[in-house]
C-alpha atoms as a PDB file:
ATOM      1  CA  MET A   1     245.179 -32.771  -8.434  1.00  0.00           C
ATOM      2  CA  ASP A   2     242.184 -34.087  -6.506  1.00  0.00           C
ATOM      3  CA  PRO A   3     240.427 -37.111  -8.023  1.00  0.00           C
ATOM      4  CA  LEU A   4     237.212 -36.594  -9.963  1.00  0.00           C
ATOM      5  CA  ARG A   5     234.310 -37.546  -7.696  1.00  0.00           C
ATOM      6  CA  VAL A   6     231.860 -39.818  -9.507  1.00  0.00           C
ATOM      7  CA  ILE A   7     228.433 -41.284  -8.735  1.00  0.00           C
ATOM      8  CA  ILE A   8     227.208 -44.259 -10.783  1.00  0.00           C
ATOM      9  CA  VAL A   9     223.491 -45.016 -11.171  1.00  0.00           C
ATOM     10  CA  ASP A  10     222.782 -48.370 -12.807  1.00  0.00           C
ATOM     11  CA  ASP A  11     220.650 -51.367 -11.837  1.00  0.00           C
ATOM     12  CA  HIS A  12     223.207 -53.963 -12.967  1.00  0.00           C
ATOM     13  CA  MET A  13     225.584 -54.427 -10.053  1.00  0.00           C
ATOM     14  CA  LEU A  14     228.131 -56.491 -11.971  1.00  0.00           C
ATOM     15  CA  TYR A  15     228.455 -53.641 -14.469  1.00  0.00           C
ATOM     16  CA  THR A  16     228.637 -51.043 -11.693  1.00  0.00           C
ATOM     17  CA  ASP A  17     231.317 -52.966  -9.785  1.00  0.00           C
ATOM     18  CA  ALA A  18     233.389 -53.480 -12.931  1.00  0.00           C
ATOM     19  CA  LEU A  19     233.143 -49.820 -13.922  1.00  0.00           C
ATOM     20  CA  LYS A  20     234.073 -48.758 -10.404  1.00  0.00           C
ATOM     21  CA  GLU A  21     237.181 -50.942 -10.494  1.00  0.00           C
ATOM     22  CA  LEU A  22     238.194 -49.565 -13.891  1.00  0.00           C
ATOM     23  CA  LEU A  23     237.799 -45.969 -12.743  1.00  0.00           C
ATOM     24  CA  HIS A  24     239.741 -46.533  -9.519  1.00  0.00           C
ATOM     25  CA  ALA A  25     242.549 -48.240 -11.423  1.00  0.00           C
ATOM     26  CA  GLN A  26     243.302 -45.131 -13.497  1.00  0.00           C
ATOM     27  CA  GLU A  27     246.363 -43.128 -12.493  1.00  0.00           C
ATOM     28  CA  ALA A  28     245.829 -39.991 -14.548  1.00  0.00           C
ATOM     29  CA  PRO A  29     243.290 -38.580 -14.429  1.00  0.00           C
ATOM     30  CA  CYS A  30     242.243 -40.100 -11.111  1.00  0.00           C
ATOM     31  CA  TYR A  31     238.652 -40.980 -10.323  1.00  0.00           C
ATOM     32  CA  LYS A  32     236.925 -41.709  -7.034  1.00  0.00           C
ATOM     33  CA  VAL A  33     233.479 -43.341  -7.066  1.00  0.00           C
ATOM     34  CA  VAL A  34     231.890 -41.780  -3.980  1.00  0.00           C
ATOM     35  CA  ALA A  35     228.517 -43.567  -4.268  1.00  0.00           C
ATOM     36  CA  THR A  36     226.418 -45.913  -6.394  1.00  0.00           C
ATOM     37  CA  GLU A  37     222.659 -46.341  -6.764  1.00  0.00           C
ATOM     38  CA  GLU A  38     220.682 -49.265  -8.196  1.00  0.00           C
ATOM     39  CA  ASP A  39     217.434 -47.416  -8.956  1.00  0.00           C
ATOM     40  CA  GLY A  40     216.016 -43.948  -9.453  1.00  0.00           C
ATOM     41  CA  PHE A  41     214.403 -43.574  -6.046  1.00  0.00           C
ATOM     42  CA  GLY A  42     217.377 -42.419  -3.989  1.00  0.00           C
ATOM     43  CA  VAL A  43     219.449 -40.510  -6.533  1.00  0.00           C
ATOM     44  CA  LEU A  44     218.601 -36.993  -5.363  1.00  0.00           C
ATOM     45  CA  GLU A  45     219.221 -37.939  -1.727  1.00  0.00           C
ATOM     46  CA  THR A  46     222.551 -39.510  -2.663  1.00  0.00           C
ATOM     47  CA  LEU A  47     223.565 -36.365  -4.527  1.00  0.00           C
ATOM     48  CA  ASP A  48     222.628 -34.344  -1.448  1.00  0.00           C
ATOM     49  CA  ARG A  49     224.875 -36.493   0.751  1.00  0.00           C
ATOM     50  CA  HIS A  50     227.899 -36.635  -1.539  1.00  0.00           C
ATOM     51  CA  ASP A  51     229.774 -33.764  -3.145  1.00  0.00           C
ATOM     52  CA  ALA A  52     230.198 -35.160  -6.666  1.00  0.00           C
ATOM     53  CA  ASP A  53     231.599 -33.727  -9.878  1.00  0.00           C
ATOM     54  CA  LEU A  54     230.098 -36.242 -12.305  1.00  0.00           C
ATOM     55  CA  LEU A  55     227.014 -38.447 -12.509  1.00  0.00           C
ATOM     56  CA  LEU A  56     227.083 -41.521 -14.764  1.00  0.00           C
ATOM     57  CA  LEU A  57     223.393 -42.247 -15.280  1.00  0.00           C
ATOM     58  CA  ASP A  58     221.617 -45.164 -16.943  1.00  0.00           C
ATOM     59  CA  LEU A  59     218.249 -44.529 -18.609  1.00  0.00           C
ATOM     60  CA  ASN A  60     216.353 -47.721 -17.831  1.00  0.00           C
ATOM     61  CA  LEU A  61     216.058 -47.779 -14.035  1.00  0.00           C
ATOM     62  CA  PRO A  62     213.558 -49.148 -11.513  1.00  0.00           C
ATOM     63  CA  GLY A  63     211.451 -46.341 -10.093  1.00  0.00           C
ATOM     64  CA  HIS A  64     212.242 -43.058 -11.803  1.00  0.00           C
ATOM     65  CA  ASP A  65     214.035 -43.604 -15.112  1.00  0.00           C
ATOM     66  CA  GLY A  66     216.938 -41.491 -16.283  1.00  0.00           C
ATOM     67  CA  LEU A  67     214.878 -39.143 -18.429  1.00  0.00           C
ATOM     68  CA  GLU A  68     212.552 -38.467 -15.505  1.00  0.00           C
ATOM     69  CA  LEU A  69     215.489 -37.783 -13.182  1.00  0.00           C
ATOM     70  CA  LEU A  70     217.476 -35.500 -15.458  1.00  0.00           C
ATOM     71  CA  PRO A  71     215.335 -32.331 -15.111  1.00  0.00           C
ATOM     72  CA  GLU A  72     215.309 -32.676 -11.311  1.00  0.00           C
ATOM     73  CA  VAL A  73     219.052 -33.281 -11.161  1.00  0.00           C
ATOM     74  CA  SER A  74     219.793 -30.353 -13.480  1.00  0.00           C
ATOM     75  CA  ALA A  75     217.552 -27.995 -11.500  1.00  0.00           C
ATOM     76  CA  LYS A  76     218.905 -28.947  -8.084  1.00  0.00           C
ATOM     77  CA  PHE A  77     222.572 -29.514  -9.006  1.00  0.00           C
ATOM     78  CA  PRO A  78     223.303 -27.150 -11.924  1.00  0.00           C
ATOM     79  CA  ASP A  79     227.091 -27.528 -11.655  1.00  0.00           C
ATOM     80  CA  LEU A  80     227.010 -31.331 -11.729  1.00  0.00           C
ATOM     81  CA  LYS A  81     228.036 -32.871 -15.049  1.00  0.00           C
ATOM     82  CA  VAL A  82     225.895 -35.776 -16.265  1.00  0.00           C
ATOM     83  CA  ILE A  83     226.797 -38.454 -18.795  1.00  0.00           C
ATOM     84  CA  ILE A  84     224.148 -40.934 -19.885  1.00  0.00           C
ATOM     85  CA  VAL A  85     225.609 -44.443 -20.136  1.00  0.00           C
ATOM     86  CA  THR A  86     223.030 -46.719 -21.688  1.00  0.00           C
ATOM     87  CA  MET A  87     222.236 -49.529 -24.134  1.00  0.00           C
ATOM     88  CA  TYR A  88     219.860 -47.296 -26.139  1.00  0.00           C
ATOM     89  CA  ASP A  89     221.109 -45.708 -29.346  1.00  0.00           C
ATOM     90  CA  ASN A  90     217.746 -44.242 -30.392  1.00  0.00           C
ATOM     91  CA  PRO A  91     218.068 -40.590 -31.492  1.00  0.00           C
ATOM     92  CA  LYS A  92     214.926 -39.634 -29.570  1.00  0.00           C
ATOM     93  CA  PHE A  93     216.583 -40.579 -26.283  1.00  0.00           C
ATOM     94  CA  ILE A  94     219.796 -38.767 -27.214  1.00  0.00           C
ATOM     95  CA  GLN A  95     217.919 -35.571 -28.038  1.00  0.00           C
ATOM     96  CA  GLU A  96     215.783 -35.735 -24.908  1.00  0.00           C
ATOM     97  CA  SER A  97     218.795 -36.464 -22.670  1.00  0.00           C
ATOM     98  CA  ILE A  98     220.711 -33.457 -23.963  1.00  0.00           C
ATOM     99  CA  LYS A  99     217.583 -31.310 -23.791  1.00  0.00           C
ATOM    100  CA  GLN A 100     217.049 -32.269 -20.143  1.00  0.00           C
ATOM    101  CA  GLY A 101     220.582 -31.429 -19.050  1.00  0.00           C
ATOM    102  CA  ALA A 102     222.991 -34.250 -19.892  1.00  0.00           C
ATOM    103  CA  SER A 103     226.353 -33.218 -21.315  1.00  0.00           C
ATOM    104  CA  GLY A 104     227.298 -36.624 -22.691  1.00  0.00           C
ATOM    105  CA  TYR A 105     225.717 -39.754 -24.120  1.00  0.00           C
ATOM    106  CA  VAL A 106     227.663 -43.024 -24.301  1.00  0.00           C
ATOM    107  CA  VAL A 107     226.356 -46.428 -25.358  1.00  0.00           C
ATOM    108  CA  LYS A 108     227.437 -49.449 -23.345  1.00  0.00           C
ATOM    109  CA  THR A 109     228.715 -51.184 -26.459  1.00  0.00           C
ATOM    110  CA  SER A 110     231.534 -48.614 -26.460  1.00  0.00           C
ATOM    111  CA  GLY A 111     234.868 -49.374 -24.865  1.00  0.00           C
ATOM    112  CA  PHE A 112     236.129 -47.886 -21.607  1.00  0.00           C
ATOM    113  CA  SER A 113     238.396 -45.582 -23.620  1.00  0.00           C
ATOM    114  CA  GLU A 114     235.281 -44.037 -25.155  1.00  0.00           C
ATOM    115  CA  LEU A 115     233.868 -43.335 -21.698  1.00  0.00           C
ATOM    116  CA  LYS A 116     237.158 -41.779 -20.591  1.00  0.00           C
ATOM    117  CA  LYS A 117     237.081 -39.558 -23.652  1.00  0.00           C
ATOM    118  CA  ALA A 118     233.496 -38.602 -22.867  1.00  0.00           C
ATOM    119  CA  ILE A 119     234.426 -37.705 -19.289  1.00  0.00           C
ATOM    120  CA  SER A 120     237.345 -35.590 -20.454  1.00  0.00           C
ATOM    121  CA  GLU A 121     235.225 -33.686 -22.972  1.00  0.00           C
ATOM    122  CA  VAL A 122     232.294 -33.164 -20.630  1.00  0.00           C
ATOM    123  CA  MET A 123     234.433 -32.003 -17.709  1.00  0.00           C
ATOM    124  CA  SER A 124     236.056 -29.515 -20.095  1.00  0.00           C
ATOM    125  CA  GLY A 125     232.643 -28.030 -20.809  1.00  0.00           C
ATOM    126  CA  ASN A 126     232.016 -29.749 -24.121  1.00  0.00           C
ATOM    127  CA  LEU A 127     229.186 -31.945 -25.378  1.00  0.00           C
ATOM    128  CA  PHE A 128     230.029 -35.587 -26.160  1.00  0.00           C
ATOM    129  CA  ILE A 129     228.004 -38.183 -28.060  1.00  0.00           C
ATOM    130  CA  SER A 130     229.372 -41.652 -28.818  1.00  0.00           C
ATOM    131  CA  GLU A 131     230.819 -42.061 -32.276  1.00  0.00           C
ATOM    132  CA  GLY A 132     228.306 -43.354 -34.803  1.00  0.00           C
ATOM    133  CA  LEU A 133     225.188 -42.201 -32.954  1.00  0.00           C
ATOM    134  CA  MET A 134     222.657 -40.030 -34.753  1.00  0.00           C
ATOM    135  CA  MET A 135     221.216 -37.012 -32.960  1.00  0.00           C
ATOM    136  CA  PHE A 136     218.777 -36.305 -35.795  1.00  0.00           C
ATOM    137  CA  PRO A 137     217.431 -39.514 -37.338  1.00  0.00           C
ATOM    138  CA  LYS A 138     216.173 -40.389 -40.746  1.00  0.00           C
ATOM    139  CA  GLU A 139     212.401 -40.636 -40.838  1.00  0.00           C
ATOM    140  CA  ALA A 140     212.475 -44.411 -41.063  1.00  0.00           C
ATOM    141  CA  HIS A 141     214.603 -44.707 -37.954  1.00  0.00           C
ATOM    142  CA  GLU A 142     212.390 -42.278 -36.100  1.00  0.00           C
ATOM    143  CA  GLU A 143     209.326 -44.408 -36.833  1.00  0.00           C
ATOM    144  CA  THR A 144     210.809 -47.504 -35.224  1.00  0.00           C
ATOM    145  CA  MET A 145     212.339 -48.359 -31.873  1.00  0.00           C
ATOM    146  CA  ASN A 146     215.398 -50.613 -32.172  1.00  0.00           C
ATOM    147  CA  GLY A 147     214.308 -52.232 -35.440  1.00  0.00           C
ATOM    148  CA  GLY A 148     210.588 -51.800 -34.854  1.00  0.00           C
ATOM    149  CA  LYS A 149     210.307 -54.055 -31.789  1.00  0.00           C
ATOM    150  CA  PHE A 150     209.841 -52.842 -28.236  1.00  0.00           C
ATOM    151  CA  ASP A 151     212.638 -54.120 -26.034  1.00  0.00           C
ATOM    152  CA  ASP A 152     211.184 -53.198 -22.654  1.00  0.00           C
ATOM    153  CA  THR A 153     208.914 -50.920 -20.654  1.00  0.00           C
ATOM    154  CA  PHE A 154     211.268 -47.951 -20.854  1.00  0.00           C
ATOM    155  CA  ALA A 155     211.305 -48.007 -24.657  1.00  0.00           C
ATOM    156  CA  VAL A 156     207.558 -48.516 -24.863  1.00  0.00           C
ATOM    157  CA  LYS A 157     206.764 -45.717 -22.435  1.00  0.00           C
ATOM    158  CA  ASN A 158     208.938 -43.241 -24.275  1.00  0.00           C
ATOM    159  CA  LYS A 159     207.442 -44.161 -27.623  1.00  0.00           C
ATOM    160  CA  LEU A 160     204.229 -42.388 -26.602  1.00  0.00           C
ATOM    161  CA  THR A 161     203.731 -38.641 -26.284  1.00  0.00           C
ATOM    162  CA  LYS A 162     202.620 -37.092 -22.999  1.00  0.00           C
ATOM    163  CA  ARG A 163     199.075 -36.643 -24.343  1.00  0.00           C
ATOM    164  CA  GLU A 164     198.965 -40.227 -25.597  1.00  0.00           C
ATOM    165  CA  LYS A 165     199.989 -41.497 -22.166  1.00  0.00           C
ATOM    166  CA  GLU A 166     197.182 -39.458 -20.584  1.00  0.00           C
ATOM    167  CA  ILE A 167     194.653 -40.895 -23.013  1.00  0.00           C
ATOM    168  CA  LEU A 168     195.946 -44.429 -22.523  1.00  0.00           C
ATOM    169  CA  ILE A 169     195.399 -44.133 -18.763  1.00  0.00           C
ATOM    170  CA  LEU A 170     191.847 -42.884 -19.309  1.00  0.00           C
ATOM    171  CA  ILE A 171     191.135 -45.671 -21.803  1.00  0.00           C
ATOM    172  CA  SER A 172     192.271 -48.167 -19.183  1.00  0.00           C
ATOM    173  CA  LYS A 173     189.654 -46.673 -16.826  1.00  0.00           C
ATOM    174  CA  ALA A 174     186.930 -47.562 -19.357  1.00  0.00           C
ATOM    175  CA  LYS A 175     186.352 -43.947 -20.340  1.00  0.00           C
ATOM    176  CA  SER A 176     184.659 -43.390 -23.695  1.00  0.00           C
ATOM    177  CA  SER A 177     186.123 -41.059 -26.302  1.00  0.00           C
ATOM    178  CA  LYS A 178     183.469 -38.490 -25.406  1.00  0.00           C
ATOM    179  CA  GLU A 179     184.326 -38.694 -21.685  1.00  0.00           C
ATOM    180  CA  ILE A 180     188.055 -38.440 -22.416  1.00  0.00           C
ATOM    181  CA  ALA A 181     187.408 -35.390 -24.592  1.00  0.00           C
ATOM    182  CA  GLU A 182     185.503 -33.705 -21.774  1.00  0.00           C
ATOM    183  CA  ILE A 183     188.189 -34.505 -19.193  1.00  0.00           C
ATOM    184  CA  LEU A 184     191.045 -33.234 -21.371  1.00  0.00           C
ATOM    185  CA  PHE A 185     189.096 -30.358 -22.971  1.00  0.00           C
ATOM    186  CA  ILE A 186     189.694 -31.598 -26.508  1.00  0.00           C
ATOM    187  CA  SER A 187     187.353 -32.795 -29.256  1.00  0.00           C
ATOM    188  CA  ASP A 188     186.044 -36.337 -29.734  1.00  0.00           C
ATOM    189  CA  GLN A 189     187.792 -36.397 -33.109  1.00  0.00           C
ATOM    190  CA  THR A 190     191.140 -35.508 -31.527  1.00  0.00           C
ATOM    191  CA  VAL A 191     190.732 -38.322 -29.015  1.00  0.00           C
ATOM    192  CA  SER A 192     189.991 -40.753 -31.862  1.00  0.00           C
ATOM    193  CA  VAL A 193     193.140 -39.679 -33.697  1.00  0.00           C
ATOM    194  CA  HIS A 194     195.239 -40.144 -30.545  1.00  0.00           C
ATOM    195  CA  ARG A 195     193.644 -43.539 -29.913  1.00  0.00           C
ATOM    196  CA  LYS A 196     194.534 -44.695 -33.440  1.00  0.00           C
ATOM    197  CA  ASN A 197     198.102 -43.407 -33.045  1.00  0.00           C
ATOM    198  CA  ILE A 198     198.513 -45.221 -29.723  1.00  0.00           C
ATOM    199  CA  MET A 199     197.316 -48.494 -31.253  1.00  0.00           C
ATOM    200  CA  ARG A 200     199.582 -48.037 -34.255  1.00  0.00           C
ATOM    201  CA  LYS A 201     202.641 -47.315 -32.114  1.00  0.00           C
ATOM    202  CA  LEU A 202     201.964 -50.247 -29.787  1.00  0.00           C
ATOM    203  CA  ASN A 203     200.959 -52.530 -32.679  1.00  0.00           C
ATOM    204  CA  VAL A 204     197.562 -53.538 -31.306  1.00  0.00           C
ATOM    205  CA  SER A 205     194.224 -53.670 -33.124  1.00  0.00           C
ATOM    206  CA  ASN A 206     191.541 -53.104 -30.496  1.00  0.00           C
ATOM    207  CA  THR A 207     190.917 -51.624 -27.055  1.00  0.00           C
ATOM    208  CA  ALA A 208     191.059 -54.959 -25.233  1.00  0.00           C
ATOM    209  CA  SER A 209     194.483 -55.832 -26.632  1.00  0.00           C
ATOM    210  CA  LEU A 210     195.634 -52.258 -25.983  1.00  0.00           C
ATOM    211  CA  ILE A 211     194.766 -52.461 -22.289  1.00  0.00           C
ATOM    212  CA  LYS A 212     196.274 -55.954 -22.032  1.00  0.00           C
ATOM    213  CA  PHE A 213     199.515 -54.708 -23.587  1.00  0.00           C
ATOM    214  CA  ALA A 214     199.592 -51.649 -21.320  1.00  0.00           C
ATOM    215  CA  LEU A 215     199.098 -53.769 -18.202  1.00  0.00           C
ATOM    216  CA  GLU A 216     201.721 -56.329 -19.219  1.00  0.00           C
ATOM    217  CA  ASN A 217     204.259 -53.552 -19.814  1.00  0.00           C
ATOM    218  CA  ASN A 218     203.416 -51.504 -16.699  1.00  0.00           C
ATOM    219  CA  LEU A 219     202.282 -48.515 -18.718  1.00  0.00           C
ATOM    220  CA  ILE A 220     199.263 -48.032 -16.468  1.00  0.00           C
ATOM    221  CA  GLU A 221     198.713 -48.595 -12.770  1.00  0.00           C
END
Protein backbone atom coordinates (compact mmCIF):
# COMPACT_ATOMS: atom_id res chain seq x y z
CA MET A 1 0.00 0.00 0.00
CA ASP A 2 1.30 3.46 -0.88
CA PRO A 3 2.13 5.72 2.08
CA LEU A 4 -0.34 8.41 3.09
CA ARG A 5 0.93 11.73 1.73
CA VAL A 6 0.83 14.43 4.41
CA ILE A 7 1.42 18.18 4.50
CA ILE A 8 2.04 19.86 7.87
CA VAL A 9 1.32 23.56 8.43
CA ASP A 10 2.62 24.89 11.74
CA ASP A 11 4.83 27.83 12.70
CA HIS A 12 6.80 25.90 15.34
CA MET A 13 9.58 24.12 13.49
CA LEU A 14 10.67 21.96 16.41
CA TYR A 15 7.13 20.59 16.63
CA THR A 16 6.94 20.11 12.86
CA ASP A 17 10.28 18.29 12.71
CA ALA A 18 9.34 16.03 15.62
CA LEU A 19 5.95 15.19 14.12
CA LYS A 20 7.55 14.49 10.76
CA GLU A 21 10.00 12.06 12.36
CA LEU A 22 7.20 10.30 14.24
CA LEU A 23 5.11 9.90 11.09
CA HIS A 24 8.04 8.61 9.03
CA ALA A 25 8.94 6.11 11.74
CA GLN A 26 5.59 4.32 11.49
CA GLU A 27 5.57 1.00 9.65
CA ALA A 28 1.84 0.44 9.29
CA PRO A 29 0.15 2.52 8.18
CA CYS A 30 3.00 4.35 6.45
CA TYR A 31 3.11 8.11 6.16
CA LYS A 32 5.16 10.38 3.93
CA VAL A 33 5.38 14.10 4.76
CA VAL A 34 5.65 15.62 1.28
CA ALA A 35 5.85 19.27 2.41
CA THR A 36 5.71 21.61 5.41
CA GLU A 37 4.74 25.27 5.74
CA GLU A 38 5.49 27.73 8.55
CA ASP A 39 2.74 30.26 7.81
CA GLY A 40 -0.54 30.67 5.98
CA PHE A 41 0.79 32.56 2.98
CA GLY A 42 2.02 29.68 0.83
CA VAL A 43 -0.36 26.87 1.77
CA LEU A 44 -2.50 26.93 -1.37
CA GLU A 45 0.58 27.06 -3.60
CA THR A 46 2.12 24.15 -1.70
CA LEU A 47 -1.06 22.13 -2.12
CA ASP A 48 -0.96 22.91 -5.84
CA ARG A 49 2.60 21.60 -6.11
CA HIS A 50 2.17 18.44 -4.04
CA ASP A 51 -0.40 15.70 -4.45
CA ALA A 52 -1.38 15.19 -0.80
CA ASP A 53 -4.00 13.06 0.92
CA LEU A 54 -4.03 14.83 4.29
CA LEU A 55 -3.38 18.32 5.63
CA LEU A 56 -2.44 18.75 9.30
CA LEU A 57 -3.26 22.40 9.93
CA ASP A 58 -2.60 24.64 12.94
CA LEU A 59 -5.03 27.48 13.65
CA ASN A 60 -2.72 30.22 14.90
CA LEU A 61 -0.46 31.01 11.94
CA PRO A 62 1.38 34.09 10.66
CA GLY A 63 -0.44 35.57 7.69
CA HIS A 64 -3.70 33.74 7.05
CA ASP A 65 -4.79 31.74 10.09
CA GLY A 66 -6.25 28.26 9.87
CA LEU A 67 -9.88 29.35 9.99
CA GLU A 68 -9.27 31.78 7.14
CA LEU A 69 -7.54 29.10 5.07
CA LEU A 70 -10.05 26.31 5.56
CA PRO A 71 -12.80 27.59 3.20
CA GLU A 72 -10.25 28.20 0.43
CA VAL A 73 -8.65 24.79 0.91
CA SER A 74 -12.03 23.03 0.97
CA ALA A 75 -13.21 24.82 -2.17
CA LYS A 76 -10.05 24.22 -4.19
CA PHE A 77 -9.15 20.73 -2.90
CA PRO A 78 -12.47 19.04 -2.02
CA ASP A 79 -10.96 15.55 -1.78
CA LEU A 80 -8.20 16.60 0.62
CA LYS A 81 -8.78 15.58 4.24
CA VAL A 82 -7.96 18.22 6.86
CA ILE A 83 -7.25 17.71 10.55
CA ILE A 84 -6.81 20.74 12.78
CA VAL A 85 -3.95 20.21 15.23
CA THR A 86 -3.92 23.07 17.70
CA MET A 87 -3.54 24.23 21.31
CA TYR A 88 -7.09 25.67 21.36
CA ASP A 89 -9.86 23.65 22.97
CA ASN A 90 -12.54 26.35 22.69
CA PRO A 91 -15.83 24.96 21.31
CA LYS A 92 -16.26 27.97 19.03
CA PHE A 93 -13.09 27.06 17.13
CA ILE A 94 -14.10 23.40 16.93
CA GLN A 95 -17.50 24.26 15.50
CA GLU A 96 -16.09 26.76 13.02
CA SER A 97 -13.34 24.35 11.89
CA ILE A 98 -15.82 21.58 11.16
CA LYS A 99 -18.19 24.04 9.51
CA GLN A 100 -15.42 25.28 7.21
CA GLY A 101 -14.38 21.82 6.05
CA ALA A 102 -12.11 20.13 8.59
CA SER A 103 -12.79 16.46 9.27
CA GLY A 104 -10.83 16.25 12.51
CA TYR A 105 -9.82 18.38 15.47
CA VAL A 106 -6.95 17.34 17.74
CA VAL A 107 -5.43 19.33 20.60
CA LYS A 108 -1.65 19.33 20.95
CA THR A 109 -1.89 18.15 24.54
CA SER A 110 -3.01 14.79 23.12
CA GLY A 111 -0.53 12.00 22.53
CA PHE A 112 0.69 10.84 19.13
CA SER A 113 -1.60 7.81 19.42
CA GLU A 114 -4.56 10.19 19.49
CA LEU A 115 -3.38 11.82 16.26
CA LYS A 116 -2.94 8.41 14.62
CA LYS A 117 -6.47 7.51 15.65
CA ALA A 118 -7.72 10.80 14.23
CA ILE A 119 -5.95 10.15 10.93
CA SER A 120 -7.41 6.66 10.71
CA GLU A 121 -10.95 7.87 11.38
CA VAL A 122 -10.74 10.85 9.05
CA MET A 123 -9.23 8.88 6.17
CA SER A 124 -12.07 6.38 6.60
CA GLY A 125 -14.57 9.17 6.04
CA ASN A 126 -15.48 9.78 9.66
CA LEU A 127 -15.40 12.89 11.84
CA PHE A 128 -12.93 12.92 14.75
CA ILE A 129 -12.73 15.28 17.72
CA SER A 130 -10.22 14.76 20.54
CA GLU A 131 -11.61 13.03 23.59
CA GLY A 132 -12.89 15.44 26.22
CA LEU A 133 -13.50 18.37 23.88
CA MET A 134 -16.92 20.00 23.80
CA MET A 135 -18.49 20.83 20.44
CA PHE A 136 -21.42 22.62 22.08
CA PRO A 137 -20.35 24.53 25.20
CA LYS A 138 -22.12 25.52 28.34
CA GLU A 139 -23.06 29.18 28.34
CA ALA A 140 -20.37 30.05 30.85
CA HIS A 141 -17.66 28.49 28.72
CA GLU A 142 -18.97 30.23 25.63
CA GLU A 143 -18.69 33.62 27.34
CA THR A 144 -15.00 33.20 28.08
CA MET A 145 -11.90 32.40 26.07
CA ASN A 146 -9.54 30.01 27.88
CA GLY A 147 -10.63 31.04 31.38
CA GLY A 148 -11.64 34.57 30.43
CA LYS A 149 -8.19 35.82 29.40
CA PHE A 150 -7.07 36.42 25.84
CA ASP A 151 -3.99 34.35 25.07
CA ASP A 152 -3.04 35.95 21.76
CA THR A 153 -4.16 37.80 18.65
CA PHE A 154 -5.82 34.75 17.11
CA ALA A 155 -8.08 34.24 20.13
CA VAL A 156 -8.88 37.93 20.39
CA LYS A 157 -9.71 38.28 16.71
CA ASN A 158 -12.06 35.33 16.75
CA LYS A 159 -13.83 36.56 19.86
CA LEU A 160 -15.43 39.31 17.77
CA THR A 161 -18.16 38.87 15.18
CA LYS A 162 -17.64 39.96 11.58
CA ARG A 163 -19.79 43.06 12.15
CA GLU A 164 -17.91 43.93 15.34
CA LYS A 165 -14.60 43.72 13.49
CA GLU A 166 -15.95 46.09 10.83
CA ILE A 167 -17.07 48.57 13.47
CA LEU A 168 -13.78 48.30 15.34
CA ILE A 169 -11.87 49.24 12.18
CA LEU A 170 -14.14 52.25 11.63
CA ILE A 171 -13.78 53.32 15.26
CA SER A 172 -10.01 53.22 14.81
CA LYS A 173 -10.43 55.65 11.89
CA ALA A 174 -12.08 58.15 14.26
CA LYS A 175 -15.52 57.65 12.77
CA SER A 176 -18.45 58.69 14.95
CA SER A 177 -21.35 56.35 15.65
CA LYS A 178 -23.47 58.34 13.20
CA GLU A 179 -20.82 58.06 10.46
CA ILE A 180 -20.39 54.33 11.09
CA ALA A 181 -24.16 53.88 10.88
CA GLU A 182 -24.25 55.64 7.52
CA ILE A 183 -21.33 53.61 6.15
CA LEU A 184 -22.79 50.26 7.24
CA PHE A 185 -26.44 51.18 6.60
CA ILE A 186 -27.50 50.47 10.18
CA SER A 187 -28.94 52.66 12.93
CA ASP A 188 -26.96 54.76 15.42
CA GLN A 189 -28.47 52.66 18.21
CA THR A 190 -27.23 49.43 16.61
CA VAL A 191 -23.73 50.87 16.36
CA SER A 192 -23.86 51.84 20.05
CA VAL A 193 -24.88 48.31 21.01
CA HIS A 194 -22.03 46.83 18.95
CA ARG A 195 -19.57 49.31 20.45
CA LYS A 196 -20.60 48.30 23.99
CA ASN A 197 -20.31 44.60 23.09
CA ILE A 198 -16.83 45.11 21.63
CA MET A 199 -15.66 46.90 24.78
CA ARG A 200 -17.19 44.22 26.99
CA LYS A 201 -15.56 41.38 25.04
CA LEU A 202 -12.16 43.09 24.99
CA ASN A 203 -12.50 44.26 28.61
CA VAL A 204 -11.88 47.95 27.95
CA SER A 205 -13.83 50.94 29.26
CA ASN A 206 -13.41 53.71 26.69
CA THR A 207 -12.60 54.38 23.04
CA ALA A 208 -8.98 55.33 23.68
CA SER A 209 -8.21 52.10 25.52
CA LEU A 210 -10.15 50.16 22.87
CA ILE A 211 -8.00 51.53 20.05
CA LYS A 212 -4.82 51.02 22.09
CA PHE A 213 -5.78 47.39 22.73
CA ALA A 214 -6.65 46.82 19.07
CA LEU A 215 -3.33 48.25 17.91
CA GLU A 216 -1.30 46.26 20.44
CA ASN A 217 -3.01 43.04 19.34
CA ASN A 218 -2.88 43.73 15.58
CA LEU A 219 -6.65 43.78 15.26
CA ILE A 220 -6.49 46.84 13.01
CA GLU A 221 -3.99 48.00 10.43
